[in-house]
Amino acid sequence: MSVPAPMLATAGRPPDTPGRWAIEMKWDGMRAICRLAGERVELFSRNRNNITVCYPELTAGLAQRPPGTDMILDGEIVALDPATGAPSFARLQQRMHLTRPARELVRAVPVQLFVFDLLELDGASSMALSYVERRARLAELDLTGAGVRVPPYWTDIPVDTMLDTAASHRLEGVVSKRVDSVYRPGTRSRLWLKTAIRQTTEVVIAGWVPSSSGGGERGALGSLILGAYDESDRLVYVGHVGTGFTVAARRALLERLKALTTTDSPFDRSAPSWRMTAARWVRPQLVGTVEYREYVGALRHPSWRGLRAEIDPAEVRLPTRDVHFPRT
């Protein structure tokens, strides 16, 4: 069984047409394709890197499937906040970049796998089936191993109710999927629409600026210079971010940035010169996620959330406008 690239959702307004669209909650985690063949269980990131050894508790849970059943699953790895029960990307960050996590960390920061699609079963592809047919077959598998869940979906509830429910449970948002949609691997499709309650976007780190605070560490990371690729595949400046970091995260990130130092700006289009007088440029190889209020040529009020090792920098595109749906 080869591993397909995951199908991706397009940011957009949620359709309010119950019956034609299925609504899932949007989990704040890391996408994973799971291949189960014989006694072998493997996990792959969005860019199809093998991450099996990173999450030993999930391989054990997936191994508890019905005997003699091979399959490929699509889902999200999440780490739940003990206080709220909601997925916490900040908490997951403690596990994402460790190839062999210590047992103590696995116990302290356990992860779960939320499975929401079935791509192949016993050598037969399910991807040409409709969404509801795939979900029905997934439910029949009764995946109940430790740390493995199949979250529900809804087809008959108004989308505003679903957004309010997501907000009240501190979830990231919702994903709307056409009930008749087939699975298109490696494609970002409008048959799946993602709607974030809080806007987030991936960014490419193009450089950094040392801290100007008199009380900070000398030469410490003050802010990151961010970019994304436009429709012509040019790296474009989208802003700076200087909040959302812990002291430890600043130090660890600065060490990685120093290893990528370069003398020239990586931007293909000129960035505002007044923001770049103290810039330290790096090769554009690291991707992160930021939360922000709106995008108006630059990100307003961005806050750092963490690195995304599973995302190729070339996939990071300029934020789209008018996709923010705040709930109170």
C-alpha atoms as a PDB file:
ATOM      1  CA  MET A   1       0.000   0.000   0.000  1.00  0.00           C
ATOM      2  CA  SER A   2       1.460   3.353  -1.022  1.00  0.00           C
ATOM      3  CA  VAL A   3       0.719   6.380   1.118  1.00  0.00           C
ATOM      4  CA  PRO A   4      -1.428   9.068  -0.567  1.00  0.00           C
ATOM      5  CA  ALA A   5      -1.011  12.741   0.157  1.00  0.00           C
ATOM      6  CA  PRO A   6      -3.947  14.027   2.210  1.00  0.00           C
ATOM      7  CA  MET A   7      -6.829  15.946   0.681  1.00  0.00           C
ATOM      8  CA  LEU A   8      -6.901  19.544   1.924  1.00  0.00           C
ATOM      9  CA  ALA A   9      -9.725  21.965   2.654  1.00  0.00           C
ATOM     10  CA  THR A  10     -10.081  25.483   1.269  1.00  0.00           C
ATOM     11  CA  ALA A  11     -10.725  28.395   3.639  1.00  0.00           C
ATOM     12  CA  GLY A  12     -14.197  29.812   3.125  1.00  0.00           C
ATOM     13  CA  ARG A  13     -17.612  30.645   4.485  1.00  0.00           C
ATOM     14  CA  PRO A  14     -19.448  27.598   5.764  1.00  0.00           C
ATOM     15  CA  PRO A  15     -22.433  26.615   3.571  1.00  0.00           C
ATOM     16  CA  ASP A  16     -25.750  26.702   5.404  1.00  0.00           C
ATOM     17  CA  THR A  17     -27.406  23.902   3.456  1.00  0.00           C
ATOM     18  CA  PRO A  18     -28.112  21.028   5.878  1.00  0.00           C
ATOM     19  CA  GLY A  19     -28.303  17.674   4.164  1.00  0.00           C
ATOM     20  CA  ARG A  20     -25.843  18.518   1.389  1.00  0.00           C
ATOM     21  CA  TRP A  21     -22.870  19.153   3.647  1.00  0.00           C
ATOM     22  CA  ALA A  22     -21.438  17.263   6.583  1.00  0.00           C
ATOM     23  CA  ILE A  23     -19.848  19.312   9.358  1.00  0.00           C
ATOM     24  CA  GLU A  24     -16.926  18.131  11.458  1.00  0.00           C
ATOM     25  CA  MET A  25     -15.164  19.975  14.236  1.00  0.00           C
ATOM     26  CA  LYS A  26     -11.782  21.413  13.263  1.00  0.00           C
ATOM     27  CA  TRP A  27      -9.114  19.878  15.488  1.00  0.00           C
ATOM     28  CA  ASP A  28      -6.073  21.952  16.390  1.00  0.00           C
ATOM     29  CA  GLY A  29      -3.396  19.358  15.741  1.00  0.00           C
ATOM     30  CA  MET A  30      -1.162  17.695  13.163  1.00  0.00           C
ATOM     31  CA  ARG A  31      -2.477  15.830  10.126  1.00  0.00           C
ATOM     32  CA  ALA A  32      -1.507  12.161   9.886  1.00  0.00           C
ATOM     33  CA  ILE A  33      -1.986   9.396   7.325  1.00  0.00           C
ATOM     34  CA  CYS A  34      -1.921   5.965   8.961  1.00  0.00           C
ATOM     35  CA  ARG A  35      -0.995   2.761   7.129  1.00  0.00           C
ATOM     36  CA  LEU A  36      -1.857  -0.518   8.822  1.00  0.00           C
ATOM     37  CA  ALA A  37      -0.633  -3.634   7.044  1.00  0.00           C
ATOM     38  CA  GLY A  38      -0.359  -6.974   8.818  1.00  0.00           C
ATOM     39  CA  GLU A  39       1.359  -6.369  12.137  1.00  0.00           C
ATOM     40  CA  ARG A  40       2.949  -3.163  10.887  1.00  0.00           C
ATOM     41  CA  VAL A  41       1.576   0.248  11.872  1.00  0.00           C
ATOM     42  CA  GLU A  42       3.030   3.419  10.328  1.00  0.00           C
ATOM     43  CA  LEU A  43       2.201   7.107  10.691  1.00  0.00           C
ATOM     44  CA  PHE A  44       3.046   9.724   8.062  1.00  0.00           C
ATOM     45  CA  SER A  45       2.942  13.523   8.231  1.00  0.00           C
ATOM     46  CA  ARG A  46       1.194  15.753   5.700  1.00  0.00           C
ATOM     47  CA  ASN A  47       4.325  15.792   3.516  1.00  0.00           C
ATOM     48  CA  ARG A  48       4.582  11.998   3.931  1.00  0.00           C
ATOM     49  CA  ASN A  49       7.522  11.850   6.294  1.00  0.00           C
ATOM     50  CA  ASN A  50       7.457   8.756   8.489  1.00  0.00           C
ATOM     51  CA  ILE A  51       6.687   9.878  12.067  1.00  0.00           C
ATOM     52  CA  THR A  52       5.872   6.463  13.545  1.00  0.00           C
ATOM     53  CA  VAL A  53       8.538   6.510  16.270  1.00  0.00           C
ATOM     54  CA  CYS A  54       7.382   9.953  17.447  1.00  0.00           C
ATOM     55  CA  TYR A  55       4.057   8.662  18.753  1.00  0.00           C
ATOM     56  CA  PRO A  56       4.495   5.177  20.243  1.00  0.00           C
ATOM     57  CA  GLU A  57       1.193   5.276  22.118  1.00  0.00           C
ATOM     58  CA  LEU A  58      -0.711   5.726  18.828  1.00  0.00           C
ATOM     59  CA  THR A  59       0.944   2.791  17.086  1.00  0.00           C
ATOM     60  CA  ALA A  60      -0.016   0.638  20.066  1.00  0.00           C
ATOM     61  CA  GLY A  61      -3.602   1.881  19.919  1.00  0.00           C
ATOM     62  CA  LEU A  62      -3.932   1.337  16.173  1.00  0.00           C
ATOM     63  CA  ALA A  63      -2.510  -2.173  16.520  1.00  0.00           C
ATOM     64  CA  GLN A  64      -5.662  -3.059  18.513  1.00  0.00           C
ATOM     65  CA  ARG A  65      -7.766  -3.037  15.326  1.00  0.00           C
ATOM     66  CA  PRO A  66      -9.745  -6.094  14.176  1.00  0.00           C
ATOM     67  CA  PRO A  67      -7.279  -8.916  13.330  1.00  0.00           C
ATOM     68  CA  GLY A  68      -6.391  -9.428   9.684  1.00  0.00           C
ATOM     69  CA  THR A  69      -7.635  -5.985   8.604  1.00  0.00           C
ATOM     70  CA  ASP A  70      -5.345  -3.753   6.524  1.00  0.00           C
ATOM     71  CA  MET A  71      -6.255  -0.118   5.973  1.00  0.00           C
ATOM     72  CA  ILE A  72      -5.134   3.443   5.307  1.00  0.00           C
ATOM     73  CA  LEU A  73      -6.689   6.119   7.508  1.00  0.00           C
ATOM     74  CA  ASP A  74      -6.678   9.911   7.535  1.00  0.00           C
ATOM     75  CA  GLY A  75      -6.828  11.829  10.783  1.00  0.00           C
ATOM     76  CA  GLU A  76      -5.377  14.395  13.170  1.00  0.00           C
ATOM     77  CA  ILE A  77      -2.925  13.927  16.022  1.00  0.00           C
ATOM     78  CA  VAL A  78      -3.976  16.087  18.974  1.00  0.00           C
ATOM     79  CA  ALA A  79      -2.841  16.770  22.528  1.00  0.00           C
ATOM     80  CA  LEU A  80      -5.706  17.661  24.849  1.00  0.00           C
ATOM     81  CA  ASP A  81      -5.460  20.427  27.430  1.00  0.00           C
ATOM     82  CA  PRO A  82      -6.076  18.752  30.828  1.00  0.00           C
ATOM     83  CA  ALA A  83      -7.969  21.816  32.074  1.00  0.00           C
ATOM     84  CA  THR A  84     -10.370  22.313  29.154  1.00  0.00           C
ATOM     85  CA  GLY A  85     -10.347  18.981  27.322  1.00  0.00           C
ATOM     86  CA  ALA A  86      -9.841  20.857  24.042  1.00  0.00           C
ATOM     87  CA  PRO A  87      -6.959  20.143  21.637  1.00  0.00           C
ATOM     88  CA  SER A  88      -4.000  22.407  22.363  1.00  0.00           C
ATOM     89  CA  PHE A  89      -1.497  23.036  19.590  1.00  0.00           C
ATOM     90  CA  ALA A  90       0.894  24.618  22.093  1.00  0.00           C
ATOM     91  CA  ARG A  91       0.818  21.405  24.107  1.00  0.00           C
ATOM     92  CA  LEU A  92       1.319  19.266  20.994  1.00  0.00           C
ATOM     93  CA  GLN A  93       4.417  21.333  20.186  1.00  0.00           C
ATOM     94  CA  GLN A  94       6.182  19.569  23.060  1.00  0.00           C
ATOM     95  CA  ARG A  95       5.944  16.317  21.093  1.00  0.00           C
ATOM     96  CA  MET A  96       6.105  17.361  17.444  1.00  0.00           C
ATOM     97  CA  HIS A  97       9.841  17.684  16.941  1.00  0.00           C
ATOM     98  CA  LEU A  98      11.056  14.711  18.976  1.00  0.00           C
ATOM     99  CA  THR A  99      11.871  11.561  17.048  1.00  0.00           C
ATOM    100  CA  ARG A 100      12.045   9.372  20.151  1.00  0.00           C
ATOM    101  CA  PRO A 101      10.226  11.021  23.076  1.00  0.00           C
ATOM    102  CA  ALA A 102      11.182   9.987  26.585  1.00  0.00           C
ATOM    103  CA  ARG A 103       8.686   7.822  28.450  1.00  0.00           C
ATOM    104  CA  GLU A 104       8.215  10.574  30.996  1.00  0.00           C
ATOM    105  CA  LEU A 105       7.180  13.019  28.268  1.00  0.00           C
ATOM    106  CA  VAL A 106       4.815  10.492  26.673  1.00  0.00           C
ATOM    107  CA  ARG A 107       3.119  10.112  30.059  1.00  0.00           C
ATOM    108  CA  ALA A 108       3.081  13.860  30.740  1.00  0.00           C
ATOM    109  CA  VAL A 109       1.890  14.909  27.255  1.00  0.00           C
ATOM    110  CA  PRO A 110      -0.121  12.040  25.774  1.00  0.00           C
ATOM    111  CA  VAL A 111      -1.572  12.382  22.300  1.00  0.00           C
ATOM    112  CA  GLN A 112      -4.657  10.984  20.627  1.00  0.00           C
ATOM    113  CA  LEU A 113      -5.536  10.238  17.029  1.00  0.00           C
ATOM    114  CA  PHE A 114      -8.871  11.529  15.725  1.00  0.00           C
ATOM    115  CA  VAL A 115      -9.635   9.462  12.604  1.00  0.00           C
ATOM    116  CA  PHE A 116     -12.044  11.068  10.134  1.00  0.00           C
ATOM    117  CA  ASP A 117     -11.572   9.206   6.830  1.00  0.00           C
ATOM    118  CA  LEU A 118     -10.958   5.758   5.367  1.00  0.00           C
ATOM    119  CA  LEU A 119      -8.837   5.726   2.206  1.00  0.00           C
ATOM    120  CA  GLU A 120      -8.209   2.024   1.690  1.00  0.00           C
ATOM    121  CA  LEU A 121      -9.472  -1.236   3.177  1.00  0.00           C
ATOM    122  CA  ASP A 122      -7.879  -4.636   2.570  1.00  0.00           C
ATOM    123  CA  GLY A 123      -6.180  -3.450  -0.609  1.00  0.00           C
ATOM    124  CA  ALA A 124      -9.280  -1.818  -2.133  1.00  0.00           C
ATOM    125  CA  SER A 125      -9.296   1.970  -2.443  1.00  0.00           C
ATOM    126  CA  SER A 126     -12.230   3.800  -0.844  1.00  0.00           C
ATOM    127  CA  MET A 127     -11.333   7.190  -2.306  1.00  0.00           C
ATOM    128  CA  ALA A 128     -13.860   7.027  -5.175  1.00  0.00           C
ATOM    129  CA  LEU A 129     -16.696   6.506  -2.693  1.00  0.00           C
ATOM    130  CA  SER A 130     -18.694   9.433  -1.351  1.00  0.00           C
ATOM    131  CA  TYR A 131     -17.859  11.016   1.991  1.00  0.00           C
ATOM    132  CA  VAL A 132     -20.851   9.450   3.750  1.00  0.00           C
ATOM    133  CA  GLU A 133     -20.031   5.996   2.344  1.00  0.00           C
ATOM    134  CA  ARG A 134     -16.439   6.276   3.561  1.00  0.00           C
ATOM    135  CA  ARG A 135     -17.585   7.410   6.996  1.00  0.00           C
ATOM    136  CA  ALA A 136     -20.056   4.524   7.210  1.00  0.00           C
ATOM    137  CA  ARG A 137     -17.325   2.003   6.454  1.00  0.00           C
ATOM    138  CA  LEU A 138     -15.036   3.721   8.949  1.00  0.00           C
ATOM    139  CA  ALA A 139     -17.696   3.409  11.655  1.00  0.00           C
ATOM    140  CA  GLU A 140     -18.082  -0.316  10.920  1.00  0.00           C
ATOM    141  CA  LEU A 141     -14.394  -0.870  11.708  1.00  0.00           C
ATOM    142  CA  ASP A 142     -15.080   0.018  15.362  1.00  0.00           C
ATOM    143  CA  LEU A 143     -11.639   1.514  16.011  1.00  0.00           C
ATOM    144  CA  THR A 144     -11.479   1.619  19.808  1.00  0.00           C
ATOM    145  CA  GLY A 145      -7.784   1.141  20.567  1.00  0.00           C
ATOM    146  CA  ALA A 146      -6.208   3.256  23.293  1.00  0.00           C
ATOM    147  CA  GLY A 147      -5.861   6.865  22.151  1.00  0.00           C
ATOM    148  CA  VAL A 148      -7.777   6.287  18.883  1.00  0.00           C
ATOM    149  CA  ARG A 149     -11.129   7.999  18.336  1.00  0.00           C
ATOM    150  CA  VAL A 150     -13.531   8.419  15.424  1.00  0.00           C
ATOM    151  CA  PRO A 151     -15.202  11.785  16.080  1.00  0.00           C
ATOM    152  CA  PRO A 152     -18.764  12.367  14.857  1.00  0.00           C
ATOM    153  CA  TYR A 153     -20.053  14.513  12.028  1.00  0.00           C
ATOM    154  CA  TRP A 154     -23.397  16.248  11.521  1.00  0.00           C
ATOM    155  CA  THR A 155     -25.546  16.789   8.432  1.00  0.00           C
ATOM    156  CA  ASP A 156     -28.761  18.286   9.824  1.00  0.00           C
ATOM    157  CA  ILE A 157     -27.696  21.070  12.214  1.00  0.00           C
ATOM    158  CA  PRO A 158     -27.467  24.758  11.153  1.00  0.00           C
ATOM    159  CA  VAL A 159     -23.890  25.873  10.669  1.00  0.00           C
ATOM    160  CA  ASP A 160     -24.273  28.798  13.095  1.00  0.00           C
ATOM    161  CA  THR A 161     -25.148  26.312  15.811  1.00  0.00           C
ATOM    162  CA  MET A 162     -22.060  24.288  14.955  1.00  0.00           C
ATOM    163  CA  LEU A 163     -19.836  27.396  15.067  1.00  0.00           C
ATOM    164  CA  ASP A 164     -21.294  28.379  18.433  1.00  0.00           C
ATOM    165  CA  THR A 165     -20.708  24.851  19.708  1.00  0.00           C
ATOM    166  CA  ALA A 166     -17.091  24.917  18.511  1.00  0.00           C
ATOM    167  CA  ALA A 167     -16.535  28.282  20.182  1.00  0.00           C
ATOM    168  CA  SER A 168     -18.082  27.174  23.487  1.00  0.00           C
ATOM    169  CA  HIS A 169     -15.762  24.147  23.557  1.00  0.00           C
ATOM    170  CA  ARG A 170     -12.717  26.255  22.637  1.00  0.00           C
ATOM    171  CA  LEU A 171     -12.210  24.436  19.365  1.00  0.00           C
ATOM    172  CA  GLU A 172     -10.477  25.882  16.298  1.00  0.00           C
ATOM    173  CA  GLY A 173     -13.563  25.962  14.069  1.00  0.00           C
ATOM    174  CA  VAL A 174     -15.425  23.626  11.722  1.00  0.00           C
ATOM    175  CA  VAL A 175     -14.812  21.795   8.460  1.00  0.00           C
ATOM    176  CA  SER A 176     -17.714  21.422   6.015  1.00  0.00           C
ATOM    177  CA  LYS A 177     -17.536  18.520   3.552  1.00  0.00           C
ATOM    178  CA  ARG A 178     -19.908  17.776   0.685  1.00  0.00           C
ATOM    179  CA  VAL A 179     -21.675  14.525   1.511  1.00  0.00           C
ATOM    180  CA  ASP A 180     -21.095  13.309  -2.062  1.00  0.00           C
ATOM    181  CA  SER A 181     -17.431  14.344  -2.235  1.00  0.00           C
ATOM    182  CA  VAL A 182     -14.833  11.788  -3.288  1.00  0.00           C
ATOM    183  CA  TYR A 183     -11.367  11.854  -1.740  1.00  0.00           C
ATOM    184  CA  ARG A 184      -8.870  13.674  -3.947  1.00  0.00           C
ATOM    185  CA  PRO A 185      -5.376  12.992  -2.576  1.00  0.00           C
ATOM    186  CA  GLY A 186      -2.946  15.902  -2.651  1.00  0.00           C
ATOM    187  CA  THR A 187      -5.671  18.336  -3.761  1.00  0.00           C
ATOM    188  CA  ARG A 188      -6.926  21.459  -2.007  1.00  0.00           C
ATOM    189  CA  SER A 189     -10.604  21.346  -2.879  1.00  0.00           C
ATOM    190  CA  ARG A 190     -13.677  23.521  -2.398  1.00  0.00           C
ATOM    191  CA  LEU A 191     -15.609  20.325  -1.719  1.00  0.00           C
ATOM    192  CA  TRP A 192     -14.090  20.691   1.751  1.00  0.00           C
ATOM    193  CA  LEU A 193     -14.300  24.119   3.403  1.00  0.00           C
ATOM    194  CA  LYS A 194     -12.522  25.042   6.622  1.00  0.00           C
ATOM    195  CA  THR A 195     -13.843  27.871   8.771  1.00  0.00           C
ATOM    196  CA  ALA A 196     -11.688  29.078  11.641  1.00  0.00           C
ATOM    197  CA  ILE A 197     -13.146  30.861  14.634  1.00  0.00           C
ATOM    198  CA  ARG A 198      -9.740  32.369  15.282  1.00  0.00           C
ATOM    199  CA  GLN A 199      -7.756  33.102  12.151  1.00  0.00           C
ATOM    200  CA  THR A 200      -4.522  31.210  11.757  1.00  0.00           C
ATOM    201  CA  THR A 201      -2.131  30.878   8.850  1.00  0.00           C
ATOM    202  CA  GLU A 202       1.140  29.207   8.001  1.00  0.00           C
ATOM    203  CA  VAL A 203       4.142  31.464   7.398  1.00  0.00           C
ATOM    204  CA  VAL A 204       7.707  31.041   6.180  1.00  0.00           C
ATOM    205  CA  ILE A 205      10.418  32.454   8.438  1.00  0.00           C
ATOM    206  CA  ALA A 206      12.563  34.768   6.302  1.00  0.00           C
ATOM    207  CA  GLY A 207      14.644  36.318   9.071  1.00  0.00           C
ATOM    208  CA  TRP A 208      14.642  37.695  12.573  1.00  0.00           C
ATOM    209  CA  VAL A 209      15.308  40.893  14.503  1.00  0.00           C
ATOM    210  CA  PRO A 210      17.278  41.007  17.777  1.00  0.00           C
ATOM    211  CA  SER A 211      15.491  42.174  20.900  1.00  0.00           C
ATOM    212  CA  SER A 212      15.735  45.885  21.605  1.00  0.00           C
ATOM    213  CA  SER A 213      14.553  45.502  25.191  1.00  0.00           C
ATOM    214  CA  GLY A 214      17.053  46.741  27.709  1.00  0.00           C
ATOM    215  CA  GLY A 215      16.026  43.991  30.099  1.00  0.00           C
ATOM    216  CA  GLY A 216      16.314  41.179  27.591  1.00  0.00           C
ATOM    217  CA  GLU A 217      19.209  38.894  26.818  1.00  0.00           C
ATOM    218  CA  ARG A 218      21.863  40.408  24.634  1.00  0.00           C
ATOM    219  CA  GLY A 219      21.322  39.227  21.038  1.00  0.00           C
ATOM    220  CA  ALA A 220      18.075  37.458  21.960  1.00  0.00           C
ATOM    221  CA  LEU A 221      15.310  36.861  19.420  1.00  0.00           C
ATOM    222  CA  GLY A 222      13.019  39.872  19.354  1.00  0.00           C
ATOM    223  CA  SER A 223      10.724  39.126  16.420  1.00  0.00           C
ATOM    224  CA  LEU A 224      10.481  36.968  13.334  1.00  0.00           C
ATOM    225  CA  ILE A 225      10.236  38.289   9.778  1.00  0.00           C
ATOM    226  CA  LEU A 226       7.493  36.402   7.974  1.00  0.00           C
ATOM    227  CA  GLY A 227       6.704  35.602   4.361  1.00  0.00           C
ATOM    228  CA  ALA A 228       4.423  33.541   2.125  1.00  0.00           C
ATOM    229  CA  TYR A 229       4.351  32.683  -1.562  1.00  0.00           C
ATOM    230  CA  ASP A 230       2.066  34.505  -4.002  1.00  0.00           C
ATOM    231  CA  GLU A 231       0.358  33.096  -7.100  1.00  0.00           C
ATOM    232  CA  SER A 232       3.607  33.552  -9.054  1.00  0.00           C
ATOM    233  CA  ASP A 233       5.592  31.555  -6.456  1.00  0.00           C
ATOM    234  CA  ARG A 234       7.386  34.660  -5.211  1.00  0.00           C
ATOM    235  CA  LEU A 235       8.177  34.931  -1.506  1.00  0.00           C
ATOM    236  CA  VAL A 236       6.339  38.000  -0.209  1.00  0.00           C
ATOM    237  CA  TYR A 237       6.666  39.806   3.123  1.00  0.00           C
ATOM    238  CA  VAL A 238       3.552  39.417   5.316  1.00  0.00           C
ATOM    239  CA  GLY A 239       4.708  40.911   8.611  1.00  0.00           C
ATOM    240  CA  HIS A 240       6.661  40.503  11.840  1.00  0.00           C
ATOM    241  CA  VAL A 241       5.673  38.550  14.944  1.00  0.00           C
ATOM    242  CA  GLY A 242       7.175  39.186  18.370  1.00  0.00           C
ATOM    243  CA  THR A 243       4.604  37.764  20.777  1.00  0.00           C
ATOM    244  CA  GLY A 244       3.460  34.280  21.721  1.00  0.00           C
ATOM    245  CA  PHE A 245       6.926  32.911  22.544  1.00  0.00           C
ATOM    246  CA  THR A 246       8.126  31.489  25.818  1.00  0.00           C
ATOM    247  CA  VAL A 247      11.709  32.289  26.855  1.00  0.00           C
ATOM    248  CA  ALA A 248      12.692  28.683  26.143  1.00  0.00           C
ATOM    249  CA  ALA A 249      11.020  28.769  22.724  1.00  0.00           C
ATOM    250  CA  ARG A 250      12.889  31.953  21.772  1.00  0.00           C
ATOM    251  CA  ARG A 251      16.221  30.382  22.679  1.00  0.00           C
ATOM    252  CA  ALA A 252      15.530  27.105  20.854  1.00  0.00           C
ATOM    253  CA  LEU A 253      14.248  28.878  17.760  1.00  0.00           C
ATOM    254  CA  LEU A 254      17.209  31.257  17.667  1.00  0.00           C
ATOM    255  CA  GLU A 255      19.619  28.312  17.585  1.00  0.00           C
ATOM    256  CA  ARG A 256      17.823  26.907  14.553  1.00  0.00           C
ATOM    257  CA  LEU A 257      17.778  30.282  12.824  1.00  0.00           C
ATOM    258  CA  LYS A 258      21.497  30.850  13.323  1.00  0.00           C
ATOM    259  CA  ALA A 259      22.185  27.605  11.448  1.00  0.00           C
ATOM    260  CA  LEU A 260      20.245  28.997   8.459  1.00  0.00           C
ATOM    261  CA  THR A 261      21.940  32.403   8.326  1.00  0.00           C
ATOM    262  CA  THR A 262      22.408  34.012   4.915  1.00  0.00           C
ATOM    263  CA  THR A 263      23.557  37.468   3.818  1.00  0.00           C
ATOM    264  CA  ASP A 264      20.770  38.211   1.351  1.00  0.00           C
ATOM    265  CA  SER A 265      17.058  38.766   1.787  1.00  0.00           C
ATOM    266  CA  PRO A 266      15.087  35.703   0.620  1.00  0.00           C
ATOM    267  CA  PHE A 267      12.153  37.849  -0.505  1.00  0.00           C
ATOM    268  CA  ASP A 268      11.425  37.953  -4.229  1.00  0.00           C
ATOM    269  CA  ARG A 269       9.449  41.164  -3.783  1.00  0.00           C
ATOM    270  CA  SER A 270      10.888  44.063  -1.808  1.00  0.00           C
ATOM    271  CA  ALA A 271       9.849  44.201   1.840  1.00  0.00           C
ATOM    272  CA  PRO A 272       9.299  47.556   3.620  1.00  0.00           C
ATOM    273  CA  SER A 273      12.827  48.891   4.124  1.00  0.00           C
ATOM    274  CA  TRP A 274      11.929  50.721   7.328  1.00  0.00           C
ATOM    275  CA  ARG A 275      11.122  47.389   8.972  1.00  0.00           C
ATOM    276  CA  MET A 276      14.345  45.726   7.837  1.00  0.00           C
ATOM    277  CA  THR A 277      17.161  47.907   9.186  1.00  0.00           C
ATOM    278  CA  ALA A 278      18.074  45.362  11.876  1.00  0.00           C
ATOM    279  CA  ALA A 279      17.137  42.237   9.914  1.00  0.00           C
ATOM    280  CA  ARG A 280      19.108  39.009  10.192  1.00  0.00           C
ATOM    281  CA  TRP A 281      18.228  36.955   7.113  1.00  0.00           C
ATOM    282  CA  VAL A 282      17.857  33.177   6.986  1.00  0.00           C
ATOM    283  CA  ARG A 283      17.238  30.625   4.267  1.00  0.00           C
ATOM    284  CA  PRO A 284      13.443  30.168   4.011  1.00  0.00           C
ATOM    285  CA  GLN A 285      13.289  26.592   5.256  1.00  0.00           C
ATOM    286  CA  LEU A 286      11.224  26.849   8.461  1.00  0.00           C
ATOM    287  CA  VAL A 287       7.440  27.047   8.563  1.00  0.00           C
ATOM    288  CA  GLY A 288       5.387  28.207  11.520  1.00  0.00           C
ATOM    289  CA  THR A 289       1.801  29.019  12.416  1.00  0.00           C
ATOM    290  CA  VAL A 290       0.591  32.404  13.635  1.00  0.00           C
ATOM    291  CA  GLU A 291      -2.761  33.593  14.908  1.00  0.00           C
ATOM    292  CA  TYR A 292      -3.863  37.027  13.714  1.00  0.00           C
ATOM    293  CA  ARG A 293      -6.789  39.450  13.563  1.00  0.00           C
ATOM    294  CA  GLU A 294      -6.866  40.205   9.833  1.00  0.00           C
ATOM    295  CA  TYR A 295      -4.682  40.332   6.741  1.00  0.00           C
ATOM    296  CA  VAL A 296      -4.478  43.675   4.928  1.00  0.00           C
ATOM    297  CA  GLY A 297      -1.252  43.259   2.986  1.00  0.00           C
ATOM    298  CA  ALA A 298       0.384  42.445   6.321  1.00  0.00           C
ATOM    299  CA  LEU A 299      -0.825  40.427   9.309  1.00  0.00           C
ATOM    300  CA  ARG A 300      -2.459  42.557  12.012  1.00  0.00           C
ATOM    301  CA  HIS A 301      -1.757  41.630  15.651  1.00  0.00           C
ATOM    302  CA  PRO A 302      -0.041  38.305  14.892  1.00  0.00           C
ATOM    303  CA  SER A 303       0.916  35.936  17.702  1.00  0.00           C
ATOM    304  CA  TRP A 304       3.296  32.998  17.316  1.00  0.00           C
ATOM    305  CA  ARG A 305       1.926  29.499  17.855  1.00  0.00           C
ATOM    306  CA  GLY A 306       4.780  27.215  16.853  1.00  0.00           C
ATOM    307  CA  LEU A 307       6.807  25.518  14.122  1.00  0.00           C
ATOM    308  CA  ARG A 308       5.213  23.159  11.585  1.00  0.00           C
ATOM    309  CA  ALA A 309       7.847  20.645  10.552  1.00  0.00           C
ATOM    310  CA  GLU A 310       5.338  18.652   8.481  1.00  0.00           C
ATOM    311  CA  ILE A 311       4.641  21.489   6.029  1.00  0.00           C
ATOM    312  CA  ASP A 312       6.832  22.215   3.005  1.00  0.00           C
ATOM    313  CA  PRO A 313       7.670  25.955   2.770  1.00  0.00           C
ATOM    314  CA  ALA A 314       6.642  25.933  -0.917  1.00  0.00           C
ATOM    315  CA  GLU A 315       3.059  25.104   0.167  1.00  0.00           C
ATOM    316  CA  VAL A 316       2.715  28.275   2.253  1.00  0.00           C
ATOM    317  CA  ARG A 317       0.516  30.762   0.405  1.00  0.00           C
ATOM    318  CA  LEU A 318      -0.592  34.310   1.118  1.00  0.00           C
ATOM    319  CA  PRO A 319      -3.491  34.476   3.584  1.00  0.00           C
ATOM    320  CA  THR A 320      -6.902  34.843   2.021  1.00  0.00           C
ATOM    321  CA  ARG A 321      -9.182  37.678   3.019  1.00  0.00           C
ATOM    322  CA  ASP A 322     -12.654  37.547   4.546  1.00  0.00           C
ATOM    323  CA  VAL A 323     -12.520  34.067   6.059  1.00  0.00           C
ATOM    324  CA  HIS A 324     -12.723  35.034   9.731  1.00  0.00           C
ATOM    325  CA  PHE A 325     -15.916  34.260  11.598  1.00  0.00           C
ATOM    326  CA  PRO A 326     -15.555  35.323  15.257  1.00  0.00           C
ATOM    327  CA  ARG A 327     -18.075  33.950  17.691  1.00  0.00           C
ATOM    328  CA  THR A 328     -18.902  35.329  21.126  1.00  0.00           C
END
